[in-house]
Protein backbone atom coordinates (compact mmCIF):
# COMPACT_ATOMS: atom_id res chain seq x y z
CA MET A 1 143.55 -45.03 -31.46
CA SER A 2 143.55 -46.24 -27.89
CA LYS A 3 142.12 -44.33 -24.97
CA ILE A 4 144.56 -41.92 -23.37
CA ILE A 5 145.87 -42.58 -19.85
CA LEU A 6 146.44 -39.96 -17.19
CA ASN A 7 147.61 -40.31 -13.66
CA ARG A 8 145.24 -39.03 -10.97
CA LEU A 9 147.58 -36.21 -9.81
CA ASP A 10 148.16 -34.87 -13.38
CA TYR A 11 144.41 -35.05 -14.04
CA SER A 12 143.44 -33.05 -10.95
CA ARG A 13 146.28 -30.53 -11.38
CA ILE A 14 145.52 -29.91 -15.01
CA LYS A 15 141.81 -29.44 -14.19
CA GLN A 16 142.75 -26.95 -11.47
CA CYS A 17 145.05 -25.01 -13.86
CA LEU A 18 142.32 -25.03 -16.43
CA SER A 19 139.75 -23.72 -13.97
CA ASP A 20 142.16 -20.92 -12.90
CA ALA A 21 142.97 -20.08 -16.54
CA LYS A 22 139.28 -19.76 -17.45
CA LEU A 23 138.68 -17.58 -14.41
CA PHE A 24 141.56 -15.24 -15.37
CA LYS A 25 140.79 -15.59 -19.13
CA SER A 26 144.33 -16.73 -19.91
CA ILE A 27 143.16 -19.57 -22.13
CA SER A 28 140.91 -19.36 -25.16
CA ALA A 29 137.50 -21.02 -25.00
CA SER A 30 138.42 -23.41 -27.85
CA GLU A 31 141.74 -24.43 -26.22
CA ALA A 32 140.01 -24.98 -22.92
CA GLU A 33 137.34 -27.10 -24.60
CA ASN A 34 139.89 -29.24 -26.42
CA LEU A 35 141.83 -29.88 -23.26
CA LEU A 36 138.70 -30.63 -21.24
CA LYS A 37 137.58 -33.10 -23.91
CA GLU A 38 140.99 -34.91 -23.66
CA LEU A 39 140.77 -35.00 -19.85
CA ASN A 40 137.24 -36.30 -19.76
CA SER A 41 138.00 -39.09 -22.24
CA ALA A 42 141.04 -40.35 -20.34
CA LYS A 43 141.47 -43.50 -18.28
CA ILE A 44 142.59 -42.19 -14.85
CA VAL A 45 145.06 -44.35 -12.90
CA GLU A 46 147.33 -43.95 -9.87
CA PRO A 47 150.75 -42.45 -10.68
CA GLN A 48 152.46 -45.77 -9.88
CA GLU A 49 150.27 -47.47 -12.56
CA ILE A 50 151.36 -45.29 -15.47
CA PRO A 51 153.25 -47.22 -18.10
CA GLY A 52 156.70 -45.86 -18.92
CA ASN A 53 155.79 -45.27 -22.57
CA VAL A 54 152.95 -42.76 -21.85
CA VAL A 55 153.35 -38.99 -22.16
CA THR A 56 152.64 -37.43 -18.74
CA MET A 57 153.15 -33.98 -17.24
CA ASN A 58 156.85 -33.03 -17.07
CA SER A 59 157.73 -35.70 -19.65
CA ILE A 60 160.39 -34.86 -22.19
CA VAL A 61 159.21 -36.17 -25.54
CA LYS A 62 160.65 -36.46 -29.02
CA ILE A 63 158.09 -36.24 -31.85
CA SER A 64 158.22 -36.13 -35.61
CA PHE A 65 155.93 -34.55 -38.16
CA SER A 66 155.01 -36.94 -40.96
CA ASN A 67 154.61 -34.26 -43.63
CA THR A 68 158.15 -32.78 -43.11
CA ASN A 69 159.97 -35.55 -41.20
CA LYS A 70 161.12 -32.77 -38.82
CA GLN A 71 161.81 -34.03 -35.31
CA VAL A 72 161.48 -31.85 -32.19
CA GLU A 73 162.03 -32.42 -28.51
CA PHE A 74 160.35 -30.58 -25.63
CA GLN A 75 159.06 -30.98 -22.10
CA ILE A 76 155.31 -30.68 -21.30
CA VAL A 77 154.90 -28.46 -18.21
CA TYR A 78 152.30 -26.55 -16.26
CA PRO A 79 151.67 -23.04 -17.56
CA ASP A 80 153.74 -21.26 -14.92
CA LYS A 81 156.82 -23.33 -15.88
CA ALA A 82 156.55 -22.74 -19.66
CA ASN A 83 159.67 -21.39 -21.34
CA LEU A 84 160.13 -21.73 -25.08
CA LYS A 85 163.86 -20.98 -24.93
CA ASN A 86 164.29 -24.02 -22.72
CA ASN A 87 161.88 -26.15 -24.80
CA LYS A 88 159.25 -26.19 -22.00
CA ILE A 89 155.79 -26.18 -23.55
CA SER A 90 152.63 -25.45 -21.53
CA ILE A 91 149.97 -28.11 -21.32
CA PHE A 92 147.66 -25.36 -22.60
CA SER A 93 149.49 -25.30 -25.96
CA PRO A 94 147.58 -27.20 -28.67
CA ILE A 95 150.54 -29.59 -29.26
CA ALA A 96 150.84 -30.53 -25.60
CA THR A 97 147.08 -31.04 -25.37
CA ALA A 98 147.31 -33.27 -28.45
CA LEU A 99 150.10 -35.42 -26.92
CA ILE A 100 149.25 -35.85 -23.24
CA GLY A 101 148.27 -39.38 -22.31
CA TYR A 102 149.34 -41.00 -25.61
CA LYS A 103 152.08 -43.61 -25.99
CA VAL A 104 155.34 -43.96 -27.89
CA GLY A 105 154.52 -44.99 -31.44
CA ASP A 106 151.11 -43.37 -31.43
CA GLU A 107 150.22 -41.13 -34.39
CA ILE A 108 148.11 -38.09 -33.61
CA GLU A 109 146.40 -35.88 -36.16
CA TRP A 110 146.96 -32.21 -35.35
CA LEU A 111 145.49 -29.15 -37.08
CA VAL A 112 148.17 -26.52 -37.80
CA PRO A 113 147.71 -23.26 -39.78
CA ALA A 114 148.88 -25.07 -42.96
CA GLY A 115 146.29 -27.82 -42.50
CA LEU A 116 146.05 -31.29 -40.89
CA THR A 117 149.34 -33.01 -40.08
CA LYS A 118 150.25 -36.21 -38.34
CA ILE A 119 152.59 -36.34 -35.35
CA THR A 120 154.32 -39.46 -34.17
CA ILE A 121 155.62 -39.90 -30.64
CA ASP A 122 159.09 -41.25 -31.29
CA GLU A 123 160.49 -41.39 -27.81
CA ILE A 124 159.98 -40.41 -24.16
CA ILE A 125 163.35 -39.22 -23.01
CA PHE A 126 162.19 -38.61 -19.48
CA GLN A 127 159.01 -39.45 -17.68
CA PRO A 128 158.75 -38.64 -13.93
CA GLU A 129 156.79 -41.77 -13.06
CA ALA A 130 159.22 -44.06 -14.81
CA SER A 131 161.99 -42.35 -12.71
CA GLY A 132 160.10 -43.09 -9.52
CA ASP A 133 158.84 -39.51 -9.04
CA PHE A 134 155.09 -39.85 -8.51
CA ASN A 135 154.42 -36.32 -7.22
CA MET A 136 156.19 -34.17 -9.79
């Protein structure tokens, strides 16, 4: 699997949210560690340099689970904007952490209560950077 790509603004904002969440104990140690590991392994680029096929903050993505062929669509948002009824998933959720920085077509292994499953990124329906919004 290729190295994940994050834009500089997303990287710094996620790190700040993570720092705040650890301070207020609103994220588990294991979730914080997993997200930090993803952040620290990423290639950081300017927002204008993000390819349109990469999952970024505020992207709306369509994914499928290989074990069930179930397809879901949601937006990856900062914790204060999360709303499951509106399909807005916090970056702190394990699935968002697993997807951020990967590309359309990438397969990601994800541990769910039933065991290991593979997720495929089928489509990015909306990506702020591809729409010319570099500060979202």
